[in-house]
């Protein structure tokens, strides 16, 4: 397993990492004028699929913890499949319908920024960094978050499906 971790392309890990950072954004989709992250406090779990640029779709399971302080949230997420694992952290803020912040992934040494909007039950965000660029769309329904990620193909300028996941309490 260690050999596969070291040789796996960042094309597989980074869409997953981006997906995980976005997992905390659905708390931003709250019509109440109070803190949009209040709903995220605590432990969440879930899973979904990731599709690497060159390879077959992989299933992944995840554990997430959210710490909330004012209008800021810190997210720590650990995910694994049978062949790999990763650990991400994100620090985000919400102000007037806008989200912004930073993310990092420790196993594959990736990092970057998050920006976007939160309106109604939908979050639209841009993820960028040293090893990943893409867009995310999050739909919130009750105690579940459905997250879709597309990754930018810098050669063609088009987007490809990268990940889908659902988190729950």
N, C-alpha and C. Protein backbone atom coordinates (compact mmCIF):
# COMPACT_ATOMS: atom_id res chain seq x y z
N UNK A 1 0.82 -1.19 0.00
CA UNK A 1 0.00 0.00 0.00
C UNK A 1 0.86 1.25 0.00
N UNK A 2 1.95 1.28 0.70
CA UNK A 2 2.82 2.46 0.76
C UNK A 2 3.35 2.80 -0.62
N UNK A 3 3.71 1.80 -1.42
CA UNK A 3 4.23 2.06 -2.75
C UNK A 3 3.17 2.73 -3.60
N UNK A 4 1.94 2.25 -3.54
CA UNK A 4 0.87 2.86 -4.31
C UNK A 4 0.64 4.31 -3.88
N UNK A 5 0.71 4.58 -2.60
CA UNK A 5 0.53 5.94 -2.12
C UNK A 5 1.58 6.87 -2.71
N UNK A 6 2.80 6.42 -2.80
CA UNK A 6 3.87 7.28 -3.29
C UNK A 6 3.80 7.45 -4.79
N UNK A 7 3.25 6.49 -5.53
CA UNK A 7 3.24 6.58 -6.97
C UNK A 7 1.92 7.08 -7.54
N UNK A 8 0.88 7.19 -6.73
CA UNK A 8 -0.42 7.62 -7.22
C UNK A 8 -0.33 9.05 -7.73
N UNK A 9 -0.96 9.29 -8.88
CA UNK A 9 -0.90 10.65 -9.44
C UNK A 9 -1.73 11.61 -8.61
N UNK A 10 -1.30 12.85 -8.61
CA UNK A 10 -2.05 13.86 -7.87
C UNK A 10 -3.40 14.10 -8.52
N UNK A 11 -3.61 13.62 -9.74
CA UNK A 11 -4.90 13.76 -10.40
C UNK A 11 -6.00 13.05 -9.66
N UNK A 12 -5.72 11.99 -8.91
CA UNK A 12 -6.73 11.28 -8.14
C UNK A 12 -6.92 11.92 -6.78
N UNK A 13 -5.85 12.25 -6.11
CA UNK A 13 -5.94 12.75 -4.74
C UNK A 13 -6.48 14.17 -4.68
N UNK A 14 -6.07 15.01 -5.56
CA UNK A 14 -6.47 16.40 -5.45
C UNK A 14 -7.95 16.65 -5.67
N UNK A 15 -8.64 15.95 -6.60
CA UNK A 15 -10.08 16.14 -6.63
C UNK A 15 -10.74 15.73 -5.32
N UNK A 16 -10.24 14.68 -4.71
CA UNK A 16 -10.79 14.24 -3.43
C UNK A 16 -10.52 15.30 -2.38
N UNK A 17 -9.31 15.81 -2.34
CA UNK A 17 -8.97 16.83 -1.36
C UNK A 17 -9.87 18.05 -1.53
N UNK A 18 -10.08 18.47 -2.76
CA UNK A 18 -10.95 19.61 -3.01
C UNK A 18 -12.36 19.31 -2.54
N UNK A 19 -12.82 18.12 -2.82
CA UNK A 19 -14.13 17.71 -2.37
C UNK A 19 -14.26 17.82 -0.86
N UNK A 20 -13.27 17.41 -0.15
CA UNK A 20 -13.33 17.42 1.29
C UNK A 20 -13.36 18.83 1.85
N UNK A 21 -12.63 19.72 1.24
CA UNK A 21 -12.65 21.09 1.72
C UNK A 21 -14.01 21.71 1.53
N UNK A 22 -14.65 21.34 0.45
CA UNK A 22 -15.95 21.89 0.16
C UNK A 22 -17.01 21.30 1.07
N UNK A 23 -16.76 20.17 1.64
CA UNK A 23 -17.76 19.52 2.50
C UNK A 23 -18.22 20.44 3.62
N UNK A 24 -17.39 21.36 4.05
CA UNK A 24 -17.81 22.23 5.13
C UNK A 24 -18.62 23.40 4.65
N UNK A 25 -18.68 23.66 3.37
CA UNK A 25 -19.38 24.82 2.86
C UNK A 25 -20.89 24.76 2.99
N UNK A 26 -21.54 23.62 2.96
CA UNK A 26 -22.99 23.64 3.03
C UNK A 26 -23.54 24.37 4.24
N UNK A 27 -22.83 24.46 5.30
CA UNK A 27 -23.28 25.23 6.45
C UNK A 27 -23.47 26.68 6.10
N UNK A 28 -22.82 27.11 5.01
CA UNK A 28 -22.97 28.48 4.56
C UNK A 28 -24.34 28.73 3.94
N UNK A 29 -25.05 27.67 3.61
CA UNK A 29 -26.31 27.79 2.93
C UNK A 29 -27.44 27.86 3.95
N UNK A 30 -27.49 28.92 4.68
CA UNK A 30 -28.50 29.05 5.72
C UNK A 30 -29.16 30.41 5.56
N UNK A 31 -30.47 30.42 5.52
CA UNK A 31 -31.18 31.68 5.32
C UNK A 31 -31.17 32.54 6.59
N UNK A 32 -30.96 31.93 7.75
CA UNK A 32 -30.88 32.65 9.01
C UNK A 32 -29.69 33.61 8.96
N UNK A 33 -29.86 34.87 9.40
CA UNK A 33 -28.76 35.83 9.33
C UNK A 33 -27.65 35.53 10.33
N UNK A 34 -27.84 34.56 11.24
CA UNK A 34 -26.80 34.21 12.21
C UNK A 34 -25.64 33.48 11.55
N UNK A 35 -24.83 32.89 12.37
CA UNK A 35 -23.64 32.18 11.90
C UNK A 35 -24.03 31.02 10.97
N UNK A 36 -23.59 31.04 9.73
CA UNK A 36 -23.96 29.98 8.78
C UNK A 36 -23.27 28.64 9.07
N UNK A 37 -22.26 28.63 9.92
CA UNK A 37 -21.53 27.39 10.19
C UNK A 37 -22.02 26.63 11.42
N UNK A 38 -22.98 27.20 12.14
CA UNK A 38 -23.45 26.55 13.37
C UNK A 38 -23.91 25.12 13.15
N UNK A 39 -24.55 24.84 12.04
CA UNK A 39 -25.06 23.50 11.76
C UNK A 39 -23.95 22.46 11.58
N UNK A 40 -22.72 22.90 11.38
CA UNK A 40 -21.64 21.96 11.08
C UNK A 40 -20.85 21.48 12.29
N UNK A 41 -21.06 22.08 13.44
CA UNK A 41 -20.28 21.70 14.62
C UNK A 41 -20.35 20.20 14.85
N UNK A 42 -19.18 19.60 15.11
CA UNK A 42 -19.16 18.19 15.49
C UNK A 42 -18.64 17.25 14.43
N UNK A 43 -19.08 15.99 14.56
CA UNK A 43 -18.57 14.87 13.77
C UNK A 43 -19.54 14.49 12.66
N UNK A 44 -19.02 14.24 11.46
CA UNK A 44 -19.81 13.82 10.31
C UNK A 44 -19.11 12.64 9.65
N UNK A 45 -19.86 11.83 8.93
CA UNK A 45 -19.25 10.73 8.17
C UNK A 45 -20.00 10.56 6.87
N UNK A 46 -19.41 9.82 5.97
CA UNK A 46 -20.05 9.59 4.69
C UNK A 46 -19.10 8.99 3.70
N UNK A 47 -19.46 9.09 2.45
CA UNK A 47 -18.63 8.52 1.41
C UNK A 47 -19.16 8.88 0.05
N UNK A 48 -18.51 8.31 -0.95
CA UNK A 48 -18.90 8.58 -2.32
C UNK A 48 -17.91 7.98 -3.29
N UNK A 49 -17.75 8.64 -4.42
CA UNK A 49 -16.84 8.16 -5.45
C UNK A 49 -15.92 9.27 -5.92
N UNK A 50 -14.75 8.83 -6.39
CA UNK A 50 -13.77 9.72 -7.00
C UNK A 50 -13.35 9.09 -8.32
N UNK A 51 -13.24 9.92 -9.36
CA UNK A 51 -12.82 9.43 -10.66
C UNK A 51 -11.52 10.12 -11.04
N UNK A 52 -10.40 9.38 -11.03
CA UNK A 52 -9.12 9.99 -11.41
C UNK A 52 -9.09 10.30 -12.90
N UNK A 53 -8.22 11.21 -13.32
CA UNK A 53 -8.13 11.55 -14.74
C UNK A 53 -7.88 10.33 -15.63
N UNK A 54 -7.07 9.42 -15.15
CA UNK A 54 -6.77 8.19 -15.90
C UNK A 54 -6.99 7.02 -14.95
N UNK A 55 -8.15 6.42 -15.00
CA UNK A 55 -8.42 5.31 -14.11
C UNK A 55 -9.89 5.12 -13.88
N UNK A 56 -10.20 4.11 -13.08
CA UNK A 56 -11.57 3.78 -12.79
C UNK A 56 -12.06 4.49 -11.54
N UNK A 57 -13.37 4.64 -11.44
CA UNK A 57 -13.99 5.26 -10.28
C UNK A 57 -13.68 4.45 -9.04
N UNK A 58 -13.33 5.14 -7.96
CA UNK A 58 -12.99 4.51 -6.67
C UNK A 58 -14.00 4.96 -5.63
N UNK A 59 -14.38 4.04 -4.72
CA UNK A 59 -15.22 4.41 -3.59
C UNK A 59 -14.33 4.89 -2.45
N UNK A 60 -14.82 5.87 -1.68
CA UNK A 60 -14.07 6.41 -0.56
C UNK A 60 -15.02 6.61 0.62
N UNK A 61 -14.52 6.37 1.84
CA UNK A 61 -15.30 6.67 3.05
C UNK A 61 -14.54 7.72 3.84
N UNK A 62 -15.29 8.58 4.55
CA UNK A 62 -14.69 9.74 5.20
C UNK A 62 -15.23 9.98 6.61
N UNK A 63 -14.37 10.59 7.45
CA UNK A 63 -14.74 11.09 8.78
C UNK A 63 -14.33 12.55 8.83
N UNK A 64 -15.23 13.41 9.32
CA UNK A 64 -14.98 14.84 9.31
C UNK A 64 -15.34 15.44 10.67
N UNK A 65 -14.51 16.35 11.15
CA UNK A 65 -14.80 17.10 12.37
C UNK A 65 -14.77 18.58 12.05
N UNK A 66 -15.78 19.32 12.53
CA UNK A 66 -15.88 20.75 12.31
C UNK A 66 -15.82 21.49 13.63
N UNK A 67 -14.97 22.50 13.73
CA UNK A 67 -14.88 23.38 14.89
C UNK A 67 -15.30 24.77 14.43
N UNK A 68 -16.25 25.38 15.14
CA UNK A 68 -16.80 26.67 14.72
C UNK A 68 -16.47 27.74 15.76
N UNK A 69 -16.01 28.90 15.28
CA UNK A 69 -15.71 30.05 16.14
C UNK A 69 -16.16 31.31 15.41
N UNK A 70 -17.28 31.86 15.82
CA UNK A 70 -17.81 33.05 15.14
C UNK A 70 -18.23 32.72 13.73
N UNK A 71 -17.76 33.50 12.75
CA UNK A 71 -18.10 33.26 11.35
C UNK A 71 -17.07 32.37 10.65
N UNK A 72 -16.19 31.76 11.42
CA UNK A 72 -15.13 30.90 10.85
C UNK A 72 -15.35 29.45 11.24
N UNK A 73 -14.87 28.56 10.40
CA UNK A 73 -14.94 27.13 10.67
C UNK A 73 -13.62 26.49 10.27
N UNK A 74 -13.18 25.53 11.08
CA UNK A 74 -12.02 24.72 10.74
C UNK A 74 -12.51 23.30 10.53
N UNK A 75 -12.14 22.72 9.42
CA UNK A 75 -12.55 21.37 9.07
C UNK A 75 -11.32 20.47 9.00
N UNK A 76 -11.42 19.31 9.62
CA UNK A 76 -10.38 18.28 9.49
C UNK A 76 -11.05 17.02 8.98
N UNK A 77 -10.52 16.48 7.88
CA UNK A 77 -11.14 15.33 7.25
C UNK A 77 -10.11 14.26 6.94
N UNK A 78 -10.49 13.03 7.23
CA UNK A 78 -9.67 11.87 6.90
C UNK A 78 -10.51 10.95 6.04
N UNK A 79 -9.97 10.55 4.91
CA UNK A 79 -10.68 9.66 3.99
C UNK A 79 -9.77 8.53 3.55
N UNK A 80 -10.40 7.40 3.21
CA UNK A 80 -9.62 6.25 2.78
C UNK A 80 -10.44 5.35 1.87
N UNK A 81 -9.72 4.65 1.03
CA UNK A 81 -10.28 3.56 0.23
C UNK A 81 -9.38 2.36 0.49
N UNK A 82 -9.54 1.32 -0.28
CA UNK A 82 -8.68 0.15 -0.08
C UNK A 82 -7.24 0.41 -0.52
N UNK A 83 -7.01 1.41 -1.39
CA UNK A 83 -5.68 1.63 -1.95
C UNK A 83 -4.95 2.89 -1.49
N UNK A 84 -5.63 3.82 -0.84
CA UNK A 84 -4.95 5.07 -0.46
C UNK A 84 -5.71 5.76 0.66
N UNK A 85 -5.08 6.82 1.19
CA UNK A 85 -5.71 7.65 2.20
C UNK A 85 -5.21 9.08 2.05
N UNK A 86 -5.93 10.04 2.67
CA UNK A 86 -5.49 11.42 2.68
C UNK A 86 -6.10 12.13 3.87
N UNK A 87 -5.48 13.27 4.23
CA UNK A 87 -5.92 14.08 5.37
C UNK A 87 -5.91 15.54 4.95
N UNK A 88 -7.07 16.18 5.02
CA UNK A 88 -7.18 17.57 4.61
C UNK A 88 -7.62 18.46 5.78
N UNK A 89 -7.26 19.72 5.67
CA UNK A 89 -7.71 20.74 6.62
C UNK A 89 -8.12 21.97 5.83
N UNK A 90 -9.13 22.68 6.33
CA UNK A 90 -9.57 23.91 5.69
C UNK A 90 -9.97 24.92 6.75
N UNK A 91 -9.74 26.18 6.43
CA UNK A 91 -10.15 27.30 7.28
C UNK A 91 -10.93 28.27 6.39
N UNK A 92 -12.24 28.45 6.68
CA UNK A 92 -13.10 29.28 5.85
C UNK A 92 -13.86 30.29 6.69
N UNK A 93 -14.29 31.36 6.00
CA UNK A 93 -15.17 32.35 6.60
C UNK A 93 -16.34 32.62 5.65
N UNK A 94 -17.42 33.11 6.22
CA UNK A 94 -18.62 33.46 5.47
C UNK A 94 -18.98 34.90 5.79
N UNK A 95 -19.15 35.73 4.74
CA UNK A 95 -19.53 37.14 4.93
C UNK A 95 -20.46 37.56 3.79
N UNK A 96 -21.68 37.92 4.15
CA UNK A 96 -22.61 38.48 3.17
C UNK A 96 -22.83 37.65 1.94
N UNK A 97 -23.00 36.37 2.09
CA UNK A 97 -23.24 35.49 0.95
C UNK A 97 -21.99 35.01 0.24
N UNK A 98 -20.82 35.44 0.69
CA UNK A 98 -19.54 35.05 0.06
C UNK A 98 -18.77 34.14 1.01
N UNK A 99 -18.05 33.18 0.46
CA UNK A 99 -17.18 32.30 1.22
C UNK A 99 -15.75 32.50 0.74
N UNK A 100 -14.80 32.35 1.66
CA UNK A 100 -13.40 32.46 1.28
C UNK A 100 -12.55 31.74 2.32
N UNK A 101 -11.35 31.33 1.90
CA UNK A 101 -10.46 30.68 2.84
C UNK A 101 -9.34 29.92 2.16
N UNK A 102 -8.75 29.01 2.93
CA UNK A 102 -7.61 28.24 2.41
C UNK A 102 -7.77 26.77 2.78
N UNK A 103 -7.04 25.91 2.08
CA UNK A 103 -7.05 24.48 2.33
C UNK A 103 -5.65 23.90 2.18
N UNK A 104 -5.45 22.72 2.79
CA UNK A 104 -4.19 22.00 2.60
C UNK A 104 -4.44 20.51 2.74
N UNK A 105 -3.61 19.72 2.10
CA UNK A 105 -3.66 18.26 2.17
C UNK A 105 -2.26 17.82 2.56
N UNK A 106 -2.13 17.09 3.68
CA UNK A 106 -0.80 16.82 4.23
C UNK A 106 -0.06 15.66 3.59
N UNK A 107 -0.72 14.61 3.16
CA UNK A 107 -0.02 13.45 2.60
C UNK A 107 0.59 13.77 1.24
N UNK A 108 -0.12 14.51 0.40
CA UNK A 108 0.35 14.81 -0.95
C UNK A 108 0.84 16.25 -1.11
N UNK A 109 0.98 16.98 0.00
CA UNK A 109 1.54 18.32 0.02
C UNK A 109 0.89 19.26 -1.00
N UNK A 110 -0.43 19.37 -0.91
CA UNK A 110 -1.18 20.26 -1.79
C UNK A 110 -1.83 21.35 -0.94
N UNK A 111 -2.02 22.53 -1.53
CA UNK A 111 -2.68 23.61 -0.81
C UNK A 111 -3.22 24.64 -1.80
N UNK A 112 -4.09 25.52 -1.28
CA UNK A 112 -4.64 26.55 -2.15
C UNK A 112 -5.72 27.35 -1.48
N UNK A 113 -6.60 27.94 -2.30
CA UNK A 113 -7.65 28.82 -1.80
C UNK A 113 -9.03 28.36 -2.26
N UNK A 114 -10.04 28.84 -1.54
CA UNK A 114 -11.44 28.57 -1.85
C UNK A 114 -12.16 29.91 -1.89
N UNK A 115 -13.02 30.12 -2.90
CA UNK A 115 -13.85 31.32 -2.95
C UNK A 115 -15.15 30.97 -3.65
N UNK A 116 -16.20 31.71 -3.33
CA UNK A 116 -17.47 31.43 -3.99
C UNK A 116 -18.63 32.10 -3.31
N UNK A 117 -19.84 31.54 -3.57
CA UNK A 117 -21.07 32.10 -3.04
C UNK A 117 -21.92 31.01 -2.40
N UNK A 118 -22.80 31.43 -1.50
CA UNK A 118 -23.76 30.55 -0.86
C UNK A 118 -25.12 31.23 -0.95
N UNK A 119 -26.06 30.58 -1.64
CA UNK A 119 -27.41 31.13 -1.82
C UNK A 119 -28.42 30.00 -1.69
N UNK A 120 -29.41 30.18 -0.83
CA UNK A 120 -30.44 29.16 -0.66
C UNK A 120 -29.84 27.85 -0.20
N UNK A 121 -30.13 26.77 -0.91
CA UNK A 121 -29.59 25.45 -0.58
C UNK A 121 -28.41 25.05 -1.45
N UNK A 122 -27.78 26.02 -2.13
CA UNK A 122 -26.71 25.72 -3.07
C UNK A 122 -25.47 26.55 -2.79
N UNK A 123 -24.33 25.90 -2.87
CA UNK A 123 -23.04 26.57 -2.79
C UNK A 123 -22.33 26.36 -4.12
N UNK A 124 -21.79 27.40 -4.68
CA UNK A 124 -20.94 27.33 -5.86
C UNK A 124 -19.59 27.89 -5.47
N UNK A 125 -18.54 27.08 -5.65
CA UNK A 125 -17.21 27.51 -5.21
C UNK A 125 -16.16 27.19 -6.25
N UNK A 126 -15.11 27.99 -6.23
CA UNK A 126 -13.92 27.74 -7.03
C UNK A 126 -12.82 27.30 -6.09
N UNK A 127 -12.12 26.23 -6.47
CA UNK A 127 -11.00 25.71 -5.69
C UNK A 127 -9.77 25.87 -6.57
N UNK A 128 -8.73 26.46 -6.02
CA UNK A 128 -7.49 26.58 -6.79
C UNK A 128 -6.32 26.33 -5.87
N UNK A 129 -5.22 25.91 -6.46
CA UNK A 129 -4.04 25.65 -5.65
C UNK A 129 -2.87 25.21 -6.49
N UNK A 130 -1.84 24.75 -5.79
CA UNK A 130 -0.60 24.38 -6.46
C UNK A 130 -0.73 23.09 -7.26
N UNK A 131 -1.76 22.26 -6.99
CA UNK A 131 -1.90 20.99 -7.72
C UNK A 131 -3.33 20.68 -8.15
N UNK A 132 -4.26 21.61 -7.98
CA UNK A 132 -5.65 21.36 -8.36
C UNK A 132 -6.37 22.66 -8.67
N UNK A 133 -7.20 22.63 -9.74
CA UNK A 133 -8.09 23.73 -10.07
C UNK A 133 -9.42 23.11 -10.49
N UNK A 134 -10.51 23.62 -9.94
CA UNK A 134 -11.81 23.08 -10.29
C UNK A 134 -12.95 23.89 -9.73
N UNK A 135 -14.16 23.34 -9.91
CA UNK A 135 -15.38 23.97 -9.41
C UNK A 135 -16.18 22.95 -8.62
N UNK A 136 -16.93 23.43 -7.65
CA UNK A 136 -17.77 22.57 -6.84
C UNK A 136 -19.17 23.10 -6.77
N UNK A 137 -20.12 22.20 -6.71
CA UNK A 137 -21.52 22.55 -6.50
C UNK A 137 -22.02 21.69 -5.37
N UNK A 138 -22.59 22.32 -4.35
CA UNK A 138 -23.10 21.61 -3.19
C UNK A 138 -24.58 21.88 -3.07
N UNK A 139 -25.36 20.81 -2.90
CA UNK A 139 -26.78 20.94 -2.63
C UNK A 139 -27.04 20.37 -1.25
N UNK A 140 -27.79 21.12 -0.44
CA UNK A 140 -28.07 20.73 0.93
C UNK A 140 -29.53 20.30 1.04
N UNK A 141 -29.74 19.17 1.72
CA UNK A 141 -31.09 18.68 1.96
C UNK A 141 -31.12 18.06 3.35
N UNK A 142 -31.72 18.75 4.30
CA UNK A 142 -31.79 18.25 5.66
C UNK A 142 -30.42 18.08 6.27
N UNK A 143 -30.14 16.88 6.77
CA UNK A 143 -28.85 16.62 7.43
C UNK A 143 -27.83 16.01 6.48
N UNK A 144 -28.06 16.12 5.17
CA UNK A 144 -27.13 15.58 4.17
C UNK A 144 -26.59 16.69 3.28
N UNK A 145 -25.39 16.47 2.77
CA UNK A 145 -24.74 17.37 1.82
C UNK A 145 -24.38 16.54 0.60
N UNK A 146 -24.85 16.93 -0.56
CA UNK A 146 -24.44 16.28 -1.80
C UNK A 146 -23.47 17.22 -2.50
N UNK A 147 -22.27 16.72 -2.78
CA UNK A 147 -21.21 17.56 -3.32
C UNK A 147 -20.71 16.98 -4.64
N UNK A 148 -20.66 17.82 -5.67
CA UNK A 148 -20.13 17.41 -6.97
C UNK A 148 -18.93 18.29 -7.30
N UNK A 149 -17.86 17.65 -7.78
CA UNK A 149 -16.62 18.36 -8.13
C UNK A 149 -16.29 18.09 -9.60
N UNK A 150 -15.90 19.13 -10.29
CA UNK A 150 -15.34 18.98 -11.62
C UNK A 150 -13.94 19.57 -11.61
N UNK A 151 -13.04 18.94 -12.34
CA UNK A 151 -11.63 19.38 -12.38
C UNK A 151 -11.33 20.00 -13.74
N UNK A 152 -10.62 21.10 -13.74
CA UNK A 152 -10.22 21.76 -14.97
C UNK A 152 -9.11 20.99 -15.64
N UNK A 153 -9.27 20.70 -16.93
CA UNK A 153 -8.21 20.12 -17.74
C UNK A 153 -7.50 21.31 -18.39
N UNK A 154 -6.32 21.62 -17.91
CA UNK A 154 -5.61 22.82 -18.38
C UNK A 154 -5.25 22.75 -19.86
N UNK A 155 -5.10 21.56 -20.40
CA UNK A 155 -4.77 21.43 -21.83
C UNK A 155 -5.95 21.81 -22.71
N UNK A 156 -7.14 21.26 -22.40
CA UNK A 156 -8.31 21.50 -23.25
C UNK A 156 -9.13 22.70 -22.80
N UNK A 157 -9.00 23.10 -21.54
CA UNK A 157 -9.81 24.18 -21.01
C UNK A 157 -11.20 23.73 -20.57
N UNK A 158 -11.47 22.43 -20.71
CA UNK A 158 -12.77 21.89 -20.31
C UNK A 158 -12.72 21.30 -18.91
N UNK A 159 -13.88 20.90 -18.42
CA UNK A 159 -13.99 20.30 -17.09
C UNK A 159 -14.41 18.84 -17.22
N UNK A 160 -13.95 18.01 -16.28
CA UNK A 160 -14.33 16.60 -16.24
C UNK A 160 -14.82 16.28 -14.84
N UNK A 161 -15.74 15.31 -14.75
CA UNK A 161 -16.23 14.88 -13.43
C UNK A 161 -15.07 14.33 -12.63
N UNK A 162 -14.96 14.76 -11.37
CA UNK A 162 -13.86 14.30 -10.52
C UNK A 162 -14.36 13.58 -9.27
N UNK A 163 -15.44 14.05 -8.65
CA UNK A 163 -15.88 13.42 -7.40
C UNK A 163 -17.32 13.75 -7.07
N UNK A 164 -17.95 12.84 -6.34
CA UNK A 164 -19.28 13.01 -5.76
C UNK A 164 -19.29 12.37 -4.40
N UNK A 165 -19.82 13.06 -3.40
CA UNK A 165 -19.83 12.51 -2.05
C UNK A 165 -21.04 13.02 -1.28
N UNK A 166 -21.44 12.27 -0.27
CA UNK A 166 -22.52 12.66 0.61
C UNK A 166 -22.06 12.49 2.05
N UNK A 167 -22.24 13.51 2.87
CA UNK A 167 -21.86 13.46 4.29
C UNK A 167 -23.13 13.57 5.14
N UNK A 168 -23.12 12.94 6.28
CA UNK A 168 -24.28 12.97 7.18
C UNK A 168 -23.80 12.87 8.62
N UNK A 169 -24.69 13.19 9.55
CA UNK A 169 -24.37 13.05 10.99
C UNK A 169 -24.51 11.62 11.39
